[in-house]
Amino acid sequence: MKPDEIVTLYDYNYWATDKILRAAQQVSDADYHASQATESWESLHGILVHAYGAEWIWRRRCEEGISPAGLPKTGEFASLAALREAWSTEETAMRAFVASLTEERLSDNMAYKTTQGVMMHAPLWQVLTHVVNHGTQHRAEAAQILTQLGHSPGDVDLIVYVREKQSAA
């Protein structure tokens, strides 16, 4: 993978995440924290904290060579505003890291530990692509809840991002 391709994926990732977070700002605090009928997550808040936490843990693994033992807990973010603030800081760090990468570095194998302590290895480009793909899954879950609450984020597909970017140029 080429550096400009991974940068494009992360530009898309944060564009799509912003659409979800802006829609989430429209729901009541009660709805934001309410239990939802999802397979894995207790609430919209839980989904979004998990998506943020995954980006945070993977950047630490990729950039810093640190494998935290766990993801942040939902209780660490009392509100959507607190989560947005942390995510903004993480976005800045991830964008700087991704912008610094060379084609050679993207091809390098990286070692990391899972949250269960299992040692794993993968090319950096695969891990970074996974992070965006993982975010897509959880944005879809959040978008479904937001739509049911009457606050659809609209289309968050990659091609919509590409078309918007092309039309703005």
N, C-alpha and C. Protein backbone atom coordinates (compact mmCIF):
# COMPACT_ATOMS: atom_id res chain seq x y z
N MET A 1 0.85 -1.18 0.00
CA MET A 1 0.00 0.00 0.00
C MET A 1 0.89 1.23 0.00
N LYS A 2 0.45 2.25 -0.70
CA LYS A 2 1.20 3.49 -0.80
C LYS A 2 0.78 4.46 0.30
N PRO A 3 1.70 5.31 0.73
CA PRO A 3 1.37 6.26 1.79
C PRO A 3 0.15 7.13 1.49
N ASP A 4 0.00 7.61 0.25
CA ASP A 4 -1.15 8.46 -0.05
C ASP A 4 -2.46 7.69 0.02
N GLU A 5 -2.41 6.39 -0.23
CA GLU A 5 -3.62 5.56 -0.14
C GLU A 5 -4.06 5.39 1.32
N ILE A 6 -3.11 5.18 2.22
CA ILE A 6 -3.49 5.02 3.63
C ILE A 6 -3.96 6.36 4.19
N VAL A 7 -3.36 7.48 3.74
CA VAL A 7 -3.82 8.80 4.17
C VAL A 7 -5.26 9.02 3.71
N THR A 8 -5.58 8.62 2.48
CA THR A 8 -6.95 8.76 1.98
C THR A 8 -7.92 7.95 2.82
N LEU A 9 -7.55 6.73 3.18
CA LEU A 9 -8.42 5.91 4.02
C LEU A 9 -8.69 6.60 5.36
N TYR A 10 -7.67 7.20 5.95
CA TYR A 10 -7.86 7.87 7.24
C TYR A 10 -8.62 9.19 7.08
N ASP A 11 -8.44 9.88 5.97
CA ASP A 11 -9.27 11.07 5.71
C ASP A 11 -10.74 10.66 5.66
N TYR A 12 -11.02 9.57 4.93
CA TYR A 12 -12.38 9.05 4.86
C TYR A 12 -12.86 8.64 6.25
N ASN A 13 -12.04 7.92 7.00
CA ASN A 13 -12.41 7.43 8.32
C ASN A 13 -12.89 8.57 9.21
N TYR A 14 -12.15 9.67 9.22
CA TYR A 14 -12.51 10.77 10.10
C TYR A 14 -13.67 11.59 9.55
N TRP A 15 -13.82 11.66 8.24
CA TRP A 15 -14.99 12.29 7.64
C TRP A 15 -16.25 11.54 8.08
N ALA A 16 -16.23 10.21 7.94
CA ALA A 16 -17.39 9.39 8.28
C ALA A 16 -17.67 9.43 9.78
N THR A 17 -16.63 9.37 10.58
CA THR A 17 -16.81 9.43 12.03
C THR A 17 -17.42 10.76 12.44
N ASP A 18 -16.97 11.83 11.81
CA ASP A 18 -17.54 13.15 12.13
C ASP A 18 -19.03 13.19 11.83
N LYS A 19 -19.45 12.58 10.73
CA LYS A 19 -20.88 12.55 10.40
C LYS A 19 -21.67 11.83 11.50
N ILE A 20 -21.12 10.73 11.99
CA ILE A 20 -21.78 9.97 13.06
C ILE A 20 -21.83 10.81 14.34
N LEU A 21 -20.72 11.43 14.69
CA LEU A 21 -20.67 12.20 15.93
C LEU A 21 -21.58 13.42 15.87
N ARG A 22 -21.67 14.08 14.70
CA ARG A 22 -22.58 15.22 14.56
C ARG A 22 -24.03 14.77 14.71
N ALA A 23 -24.37 13.62 14.15
CA ALA A 23 -25.73 13.10 14.31
C ALA A 23 -25.99 12.74 15.77
N ALA A 24 -25.00 12.17 16.42
CA ALA A 24 -25.16 11.77 17.84
C ALA A 24 -25.40 12.99 18.73
N GLN A 25 -24.89 14.13 18.34
CA GLN A 25 -25.12 15.36 19.13
C GLN A 25 -26.59 15.76 19.13
N GLN A 26 -27.36 15.23 18.18
CA GLN A 26 -28.76 15.61 18.06
C GLN A 26 -29.68 14.79 18.98
N VAL A 27 -29.17 13.69 19.53
CA VAL A 27 -30.02 12.84 20.38
C VAL A 27 -29.93 13.31 21.82
N SER A 28 -30.94 12.99 22.57
CA SER A 28 -30.93 13.35 23.99
C SER A 28 -29.87 12.53 24.72
N ASP A 29 -29.45 13.02 25.85
CA ASP A 29 -28.48 12.30 26.67
C ASP A 29 -29.05 10.95 27.08
N ALA A 30 -30.34 10.92 27.37
CA ALA A 30 -30.98 9.65 27.75
C ALA A 30 -30.91 8.64 26.61
N ASP A 31 -31.21 9.08 25.38
CA ASP A 31 -31.15 8.17 24.23
C ASP A 31 -29.70 7.77 23.94
N TYR A 32 -28.77 8.69 24.13
CA TYR A 32 -27.36 8.40 23.89
C TYR A 32 -26.86 7.28 24.80
N HIS A 33 -27.32 7.27 26.03
CA HIS A 33 -26.89 6.25 27.00
C HIS A 33 -27.86 5.07 27.13
N ALA A 34 -29.01 5.13 26.46
CA ALA A 34 -30.04 4.10 26.61
C ALA A 34 -29.58 2.75 26.09
N SER A 35 -30.04 1.71 26.75
CA SER A 35 -29.77 0.35 26.31
C SER A 35 -30.43 0.14 24.95
N GLN A 36 -29.67 -0.45 24.03
CA GLN A 36 -30.15 -0.70 22.68
C GLN A 36 -30.13 -2.19 22.40
N ALA A 37 -30.93 -2.59 21.46
CA ALA A 37 -30.98 -4.01 21.06
C ALA A 37 -29.89 -4.28 20.02
N THR A 38 -28.65 -4.29 20.49
CA THR A 38 -27.54 -4.62 19.60
C THR A 38 -26.88 -5.89 20.12
N GLU A 39 -26.19 -6.57 19.23
CA GLU A 39 -25.53 -7.82 19.63
C GLU A 39 -24.42 -7.61 20.64
N SER A 40 -23.63 -6.57 20.43
CA SER A 40 -22.40 -6.45 21.20
C SER A 40 -22.34 -5.28 22.16
N TRP A 41 -23.12 -4.25 21.93
CA TRP A 41 -22.93 -3.01 22.68
C TRP A 41 -24.20 -2.61 23.39
N GLU A 42 -24.01 -2.12 24.58
CA GLU A 42 -25.13 -1.77 25.43
C GLU A 42 -25.87 -0.52 24.98
N SER A 43 -25.14 0.42 24.35
CA SER A 43 -25.74 1.71 24.02
C SER A 43 -24.98 2.35 22.87
N LEU A 44 -25.54 3.44 22.35
CA LEU A 44 -24.83 4.23 21.36
C LEU A 44 -23.51 4.70 21.95
N HIS A 45 -23.54 5.14 23.18
CA HIS A 45 -22.33 5.55 23.89
C HIS A 45 -21.30 4.42 23.90
N GLY A 46 -21.74 3.21 24.19
CA GLY A 46 -20.83 2.06 24.23
C GLY A 46 -20.18 1.78 22.88
N ILE A 47 -20.97 1.87 21.83
CA ILE A 47 -20.43 1.65 20.47
C ILE A 47 -19.37 2.69 20.17
N LEU A 48 -19.68 3.95 20.43
CA LEU A 48 -18.75 5.01 20.08
C LEU A 48 -17.48 4.98 20.92
N VAL A 49 -17.61 4.67 22.20
CA VAL A 49 -16.41 4.54 23.04
C VAL A 49 -15.55 3.38 22.54
N HIS A 50 -16.17 2.29 22.16
CA HIS A 50 -15.40 1.16 21.63
C HIS A 50 -14.67 1.55 20.34
N ALA A 51 -15.35 2.22 19.43
CA ALA A 51 -14.72 2.62 18.16
C ALA A 51 -13.55 3.56 18.42
N TYR A 52 -13.73 4.51 19.31
CA TYR A 52 -12.63 5.41 19.69
C TYR A 52 -11.49 4.59 20.31
N GLY A 53 -11.83 3.71 21.23
CA GLY A 53 -10.82 2.93 21.94
C GLY A 53 -10.01 2.05 21.01
N ALA A 54 -10.65 1.51 19.99
CA ALA A 54 -9.94 0.67 19.03
C ALA A 54 -8.90 1.50 18.28
N GLU A 55 -9.28 2.71 17.87
CA GLU A 55 -8.30 3.57 17.19
C GLU A 55 -7.15 3.91 18.12
N TRP A 56 -7.48 4.23 19.35
CA TRP A 56 -6.46 4.57 20.35
C TRP A 56 -5.49 3.41 20.58
N ILE A 57 -6.01 2.21 20.80
CA ILE A 57 -5.15 1.08 21.12
C ILE A 57 -4.28 0.69 19.92
N TRP A 58 -4.87 0.74 18.71
CA TRP A 58 -4.09 0.37 17.53
C TRP A 58 -3.01 1.40 17.22
N ARG A 59 -3.29 2.68 17.41
CA ARG A 59 -2.22 3.67 17.18
C ARG A 59 -1.09 3.47 18.16
N ARG A 60 -1.42 3.20 19.40
CA ARG A 60 -0.37 2.95 20.40
C ARG A 60 0.47 1.75 19.99
N ARG A 61 -0.19 0.69 19.53
CA ARG A 61 0.54 -0.49 19.08
C ARG A 61 1.43 -0.18 17.88
N CYS A 62 0.87 0.51 16.88
CA CYS A 62 1.57 0.77 15.62
C CYS A 62 2.67 1.81 15.76
N GLU A 63 2.36 2.90 16.40
CA GLU A 63 3.31 4.02 16.47
C GLU A 63 4.28 3.89 17.63
N GLU A 64 3.78 3.52 18.78
CA GLU A 64 4.59 3.54 20.00
C GLU A 64 5.14 2.17 20.40
N GLY A 65 4.63 1.11 19.76
CA GLY A 65 5.07 -0.22 20.13
C GLY A 65 4.57 -0.65 21.50
N ILE A 66 3.51 -0.01 21.96
CA ILE A 66 2.91 -0.31 23.27
C ILE A 66 1.61 -1.05 23.04
N SER A 67 1.42 -2.13 23.74
CA SER A 67 0.17 -2.90 23.64
C SER A 67 -0.59 -2.80 24.95
N PRO A 68 -1.47 -1.80 25.08
CA PRO A 68 -2.25 -1.67 26.31
C PRO A 68 -3.03 -2.96 26.59
N ALA A 69 -3.24 -3.22 27.86
CA ALA A 69 -3.92 -4.45 28.28
C ALA A 69 -5.42 -4.41 28.04
N GLY A 70 -5.97 -3.24 27.77
CA GLY A 70 -7.41 -3.15 27.55
C GLY A 70 -7.81 -1.84 26.91
N LEU A 71 -9.03 -1.83 26.44
CA LEU A 71 -9.61 -0.64 25.83
C LEU A 71 -10.15 0.29 26.91
N PRO A 72 -10.31 1.57 26.59
CA PRO A 72 -10.95 2.46 27.55
C PRO A 72 -12.37 1.98 27.88
N LYS A 73 -12.80 2.24 29.08
CA LYS A 73 -14.14 1.85 29.53
C LYS A 73 -15.13 2.99 29.27
N THR A 74 -16.39 2.62 29.09
CA THR A 74 -17.40 3.64 28.80
C THR A 74 -17.49 4.68 29.91
N GLY A 75 -17.26 4.27 31.15
CA GLY A 75 -17.33 5.19 32.28
C GLY A 75 -16.26 6.27 32.27
N GLU A 76 -15.22 6.10 31.44
CA GLU A 76 -14.17 7.11 31.35
C GLU A 76 -14.65 8.35 30.61
N PHE A 77 -15.81 8.25 29.95
CA PHE A 77 -16.35 9.36 29.16
C PHE A 77 -17.79 9.59 29.60
N ALA A 78 -18.00 10.59 30.43
CA ALA A 78 -19.32 10.83 31.00
C ALA A 78 -20.31 11.35 29.96
N SER A 79 -19.78 11.94 28.88
CA SER A 79 -20.66 12.56 27.90
C SER A 79 -20.08 12.40 26.50
N LEU A 80 -20.92 12.68 25.53
CA LEU A 80 -20.46 12.69 24.15
C LEU A 80 -19.40 13.77 23.96
N ALA A 81 -19.56 14.90 24.62
CA ALA A 81 -18.58 15.99 24.50
C ALA A 81 -17.20 15.53 24.98
N ALA A 82 -17.16 14.80 26.08
CA ALA A 82 -15.88 14.29 26.60
C ALA A 82 -15.26 13.30 25.62
N LEU A 83 -16.09 12.45 25.04
CA LEU A 83 -15.58 11.49 24.06
C LEU A 83 -15.07 12.21 22.82
N ARG A 84 -15.81 13.20 22.34
CA ARG A 84 -15.38 13.96 21.15
C ARG A 84 -14.04 14.63 21.40
N GLU A 85 -13.85 15.16 22.58
CA GLU A 85 -12.57 15.83 22.91
C GLU A 85 -11.42 14.83 22.85
N ALA A 86 -11.60 13.66 23.45
CA ALA A 86 -10.56 12.63 23.42
C ALA A 86 -10.32 12.15 21.99
N TRP A 87 -11.39 11.98 21.23
CA TRP A 87 -11.29 11.49 19.86
C TRP A 87 -10.57 12.51 18.98
N SER A 88 -10.81 13.78 19.22
CA SER A 88 -10.14 14.82 18.46
C SER A 88 -8.62 14.76 18.69
N THR A 89 -8.23 14.57 19.92
CA THR A 89 -6.81 14.43 20.25
C THR A 89 -6.23 13.19 19.58
N GLU A 90 -6.97 12.09 19.62
CA GLU A 90 -6.52 10.85 19.00
C GLU A 90 -6.43 11.00 17.48
N GLU A 91 -7.41 11.67 16.90
CA GLU A 91 -7.38 11.90 15.45
C GLU A 91 -6.12 12.66 15.04
N THR A 92 -5.79 13.69 15.79
CA THR A 92 -4.58 14.47 15.49
C THR A 92 -3.35 13.59 15.55
N ALA A 93 -3.25 12.76 16.57
CA ALA A 93 -2.09 11.86 16.71
C ALA A 93 -2.05 10.83 15.59
N MET A 94 -3.20 10.24 15.26
CA MET A 94 -3.24 9.22 14.21
C MET A 94 -2.91 9.84 12.85
N ARG A 95 -3.47 10.99 12.56
CA ARG A 95 -3.18 11.64 11.28
C ARG A 95 -1.69 11.95 11.15
N ALA A 96 -1.08 12.42 12.21
CA ALA A 96 0.36 12.71 12.16
C ALA A 96 1.16 11.44 11.93
N PHE A 97 0.79 10.37 12.60
CA PHE A 97 1.48 9.10 12.42
C PHE A 97 1.32 8.60 10.99
N VAL A 98 0.11 8.57 10.49
CA VAL A 98 -0.15 8.06 9.14
C VAL A 98 0.58 8.92 8.10
N ALA A 99 0.60 10.22 8.30
CA ALA A 99 1.27 11.12 7.35
C ALA A 99 2.78 10.89 7.32
N SER A 100 3.33 10.35 8.38
CA SER A 100 4.78 10.14 8.45
C SER A 100 5.25 8.84 7.79
N LEU A 101 4.32 8.00 7.37
CA LEU A 101 4.68 6.66 6.90
C LEU A 101 5.22 6.65 5.47
N THR A 102 6.18 5.78 5.27
CA THR A 102 6.72 5.53 3.93
C THR A 102 6.18 4.19 3.44
N GLU A 103 6.34 3.94 2.15
CA GLU A 103 5.90 2.66 1.59
C GLU A 103 6.63 1.50 2.26
N GLU A 104 7.91 1.71 2.51
CA GLU A 104 8.70 0.66 3.17
C GLU A 104 8.17 0.37 4.57
N ARG A 105 7.89 1.43 5.32
CA ARG A 105 7.38 1.25 6.69
C ARG A 105 6.01 0.57 6.68
N LEU A 106 5.17 0.92 5.72
CA LEU A 106 3.86 0.29 5.62
C LEU A 106 3.97 -1.21 5.37
N SER A 107 5.03 -1.63 4.70
CA SER A 107 5.23 -3.05 4.39
C SER A 107 5.88 -3.82 5.54
N ASP A 108 6.46 -3.09 6.49
CA ASP A 108 7.13 -3.75 7.61
C ASP A 108 6.16 -4.57 8.45
N ASN A 109 6.64 -5.70 8.94
CA ASN A 109 5.88 -6.49 9.90
C ASN A 109 5.96 -5.82 11.25
N MET A 110 4.86 -5.79 11.94
CA MET A 110 4.87 -5.25 13.30
C MET A 110 4.43 -6.34 14.27
N ALA A 111 4.93 -6.26 15.46
CA ALA A 111 4.57 -7.19 16.52
C ALA A 111 3.74 -6.43 17.55
N TYR A 112 2.73 -7.10 18.08
CA TYR A 112 1.90 -6.50 19.12
C TYR A 112 1.28 -7.62 19.93
N LYS A 113 0.77 -7.24 21.10
CA LYS A 113 0.03 -8.19 21.93
C LYS A 113 -1.45 -7.81 21.89
N THR A 114 -2.30 -8.83 21.82
CA THR A 114 -3.73 -8.61 21.93
C THR A 114 -4.06 -8.23 23.37
N THR A 115 -5.29 -7.84 23.61
CA THR A 115 -5.68 -7.51 24.98
C THR A 115 -5.70 -8.74 25.88
N GLN A 116 -5.62 -9.93 25.26
CA GLN A 116 -5.51 -11.17 26.03
C GLN A 116 -4.04 -11.56 26.25
N GLY A 117 -3.11 -10.74 25.74
CA GLY A 117 -1.69 -10.98 25.94
C GLY A 117 -1.05 -11.89 24.91
N VAL A 118 -1.75 -12.22 23.82
CA VAL A 118 -1.22 -13.11 22.79
C VAL A 118 -0.38 -12.29 21.81
N MET A 119 0.84 -12.73 21.55
CA MET A 119 1.72 -12.04 20.61
C MET A 119 1.27 -12.32 19.18
N MET A 120 1.19 -11.26 18.37
CA MET A 120 0.76 -11.36 16.98
C MET A 120 1.73 -10.55 16.11
N HIS A 121 1.69 -10.85 14.81
CA HIS A 121 2.51 -10.13 13.83
C HIS A 121 1.67 -9.89 12.59
N ALA A 122 1.86 -8.74 11.95
CA ALA A 122 1.16 -8.43 10.70
C ALA A 122 1.85 -7.25 10.04
N PRO A 123 1.75 -7.15 8.71
CA PRO A 123 2.27 -5.95 8.05
C PRO A 123 1.49 -4.72 8.52
N LEU A 124 2.18 -3.63 8.70
CA LEU A 124 1.56 -2.41 9.21
C LEU A 124 0.38 -1.97 8.35
N TRP A 125 0.49 -2.06 7.03
CA TRP A 125 -0.61 -1.61 6.17
C TRP A 125 -1.88 -2.41 6.43
N GLN A 126 -1.74 -3.71 6.74
CA GLN A 126 -2.92 -4.52 7.02
C GLN A 126 -3.58 -4.09 8.33
N VAL A 127 -2.77 -3.82 9.32
CA VAL A 127 -3.31 -3.38 10.61
C VAL A 127 -4.02 -2.04 10.47
N LEU A 128 -3.39 -1.10 9.78
CA LEU A 128 -4.01 0.22 9.62
C LEU A 128 -5.29 0.16 8.78
N THR A 129 -5.31 -0.72 7.80
CA THR A 129 -6.53 -0.92 7.02
C THR A 129 -7.62 -1.54 7.88
N HIS A 130 -7.23 -2.47 8.74
CA HIS A 130 -8.18 -3.08 9.67
C HIS A 130 -8.84 -2.02 10.55
N VAL A 131 -8.06 -1.06 11.02
CA VAL A 131 -8.61 -0.04 11.92
C VAL A 131 -9.74 0.72 11.24
N VAL A 132 -9.55 1.10 9.98
CA VAL A 132 -10.59 1.81 9.24
C VAL A 132 -11.80 0.89 9.03
N ASN A 133 -11.53 -0.35 8.63
CA ASN A 133 -12.62 -1.30 8.40
C ASN A 133 -13.41 -1.56 9.68
N HIS A 134 -12.72 -1.69 10.79
CA HIS A 134 -13.36 -1.89 12.09
C HIS A 134 -14.27 -0.70 12.41
N GLY A 135 -13.77 0.50 12.14
CA GLY A 135 -14.57 1.69 12.37
C GLY A 135 -15.83 1.69 11.52
N THR A 136 -15.73 1.19 10.29
CA THR A 136 -16.89 1.11 9.40
C THR A 136 -17.98 0.25 10.02
N GLN A 137 -17.59 -0.88 10.58
CA GLN A 137 -18.57 -1.76 11.22
C GLN A 137 -19.32 -1.02 12.34
N HIS A 138 -18.58 -0.34 13.18
CA HIS A 138 -19.22 0.30 14.33
C HIS A 138 -19.95 1.59 13.94
N ARG A 139 -19.48 2.27 12.90
CA ARG A 139 -20.27 3.42 12.42
C ARG A 139 -21.61 2.93 11.89
N ALA A 140 -21.62 1.77 11.23
CA ALA A 140 -22.89 1.22 10.72
C ALA A 140 -23.84 0.91 11.87
N GLU A 141 -23.31 0.34 12.94
CA GLU A 141 -24.15 0.06 14.11
C GLU A 141 -24.70 1.35 14.69
N ALA A 142 -23.84 2.35 14.83
CA ALA A 142 -24.26 3.64 15.37
C ALA A 142 -25.27 4.31 14.44
N ALA A 143 -25.03 4.24 13.14
CA ALA A 143 -25.94 4.86 12.17
C ALA A 143 -27.33 4.24 12.24
N GLN A 144 -27.39 2.94 12.46
CA GLN A 144 -28.69 2.28 12.57
C GLN A 144 -29.45 2.81 13.78
N ILE A 145 -28.78 2.91 14.90
CA ILE A 145 -29.43 3.45 16.10
C ILE A 145 -29.84 4.89 15.89
N LEU A 146 -28.94 5.68 15.34
CA LEU A 146 -29.25 7.10 15.11
C LEU A 146 -30.44 7.26 14.17
N THR A 147 -30.50 6.43 13.14
CA THR A 147 -31.62 6.49 12.20
C THR A 147 -32.92 6.13 12.91
N GLN A 148 -32.89 5.09 13.75
CA GLN A 148 -34.09 4.71 14.50
C GLN A 148 -34.53 5.82 15.45
N LEU A 149 -33.58 6.63 15.90
CA LEU A 149 -33.91 7.75 16.80
C LEU A 149 -34.29 9.01 16.03
N GLY A 150 -34.32 8.92 14.70
CA GLY A 150 -34.72 10.05 13.87
C GLY A 150 -33.59 11.00 13.51
N HIS A 151 -32.33 10.55 13.64
CA HIS A 151 -31.19 11.41 13.38
C HIS A 151 -30.17 10.70 12.49
N SER A 152 -30.60 10.29 11.32
CA SER A 152 -29.71 9.60 10.40
C SER A 152 -28.50 10.46 10.08
N PRO A 153 -27.30 9.85 10.08
CA PRO A 153 -26.11 10.61 9.70
C PRO A 153 -25.98 10.78 8.19
N GLY A 154 -26.85 10.15 7.43
CA GLY A 154 -26.75 10.17 5.97
C GLY A 154 -25.75 9.11 5.51
N ASP A 155 -25.42 9.17 4.24
CA ASP A 155 -24.50 8.18 3.67
C ASP A 155 -23.09 8.38 4.21
N VAL A 156 -22.48 7.30 4.64
CA VAL A 156 -21.10 7.35 5.13
C VAL A 156 -20.20 6.40 4.35
N ASP A 157 -20.59 6.10 3.12
CA ASP A 157 -19.79 5.22 2.26
C ASP A 157 -18.54 5.93 1.75
N LEU A 158 -17.51 5.15 1.50
CA LEU A 158 -16.26 5.67 0.97
C LEU A 158 -16.49 6.40 -0.35
N ILE A 159 -17.31 5.84 -1.23
CA ILE A 159 -17.51 6.48 -2.54
C ILE A 159 -18.19 7.83 -2.39
N VAL A 160 -19.04 8.00 -1.39
CA VAL A 160 -19.67 9.30 -1.15
C VAL A 160 -18.61 10.31 -0.74
N TYR A 161 -17.69 9.89 0.13
CA TYR A 161 -16.57 10.75 0.52
C TYR A 161 -15.74 11.14 -0.70
N VAL A 162 -15.39 10.16 -1.53
CA VAL A 162 -14.57 10.42 -2.72
C VAL A 162 -15.27 11.40 -3.65
N ARG A 163 -16.55 11.18 -3.88
CA ARG A 163 -17.31 12.08 -4.76
C ARG A 163 -17.39 13.49 -4.20
N GLU A 164 -17.61 13.61 -2.90
CA GLU A 164 -17.64 14.94 -2.27
C GLU A 164 -16.30 15.64 -2.42
N LYS A 165 -15.23 14.90 -2.21
CA LYS A 165 -13.89 15.46 -2.32
C LYS A 165 -13.61 15.91 -3.76
N GLN A 166 -14.03 15.09 -4.72
CA GLN A 166 -13.82 15.43 -6.13
C GLN A 166 -14.61 16.67 -6.54
N SER A 167 -15.84 16.77 -6.07
CA SER A 167 -16.68 17.91 -6.45
C SER A 167 -16.22 19.19 -5.78
N ALA A 168 -15.53 19.09 -4.64
CA ALA A 168 -15.02 20.27 -3.95
C ALA A 168 -13.71 20.77 -4.57
N ALA A 169 -13.06 19.91 -5.37
CA ALA A 169 -11.76 20.30 -5.95
C ALA A 169 -11.90 21.21 -7.15
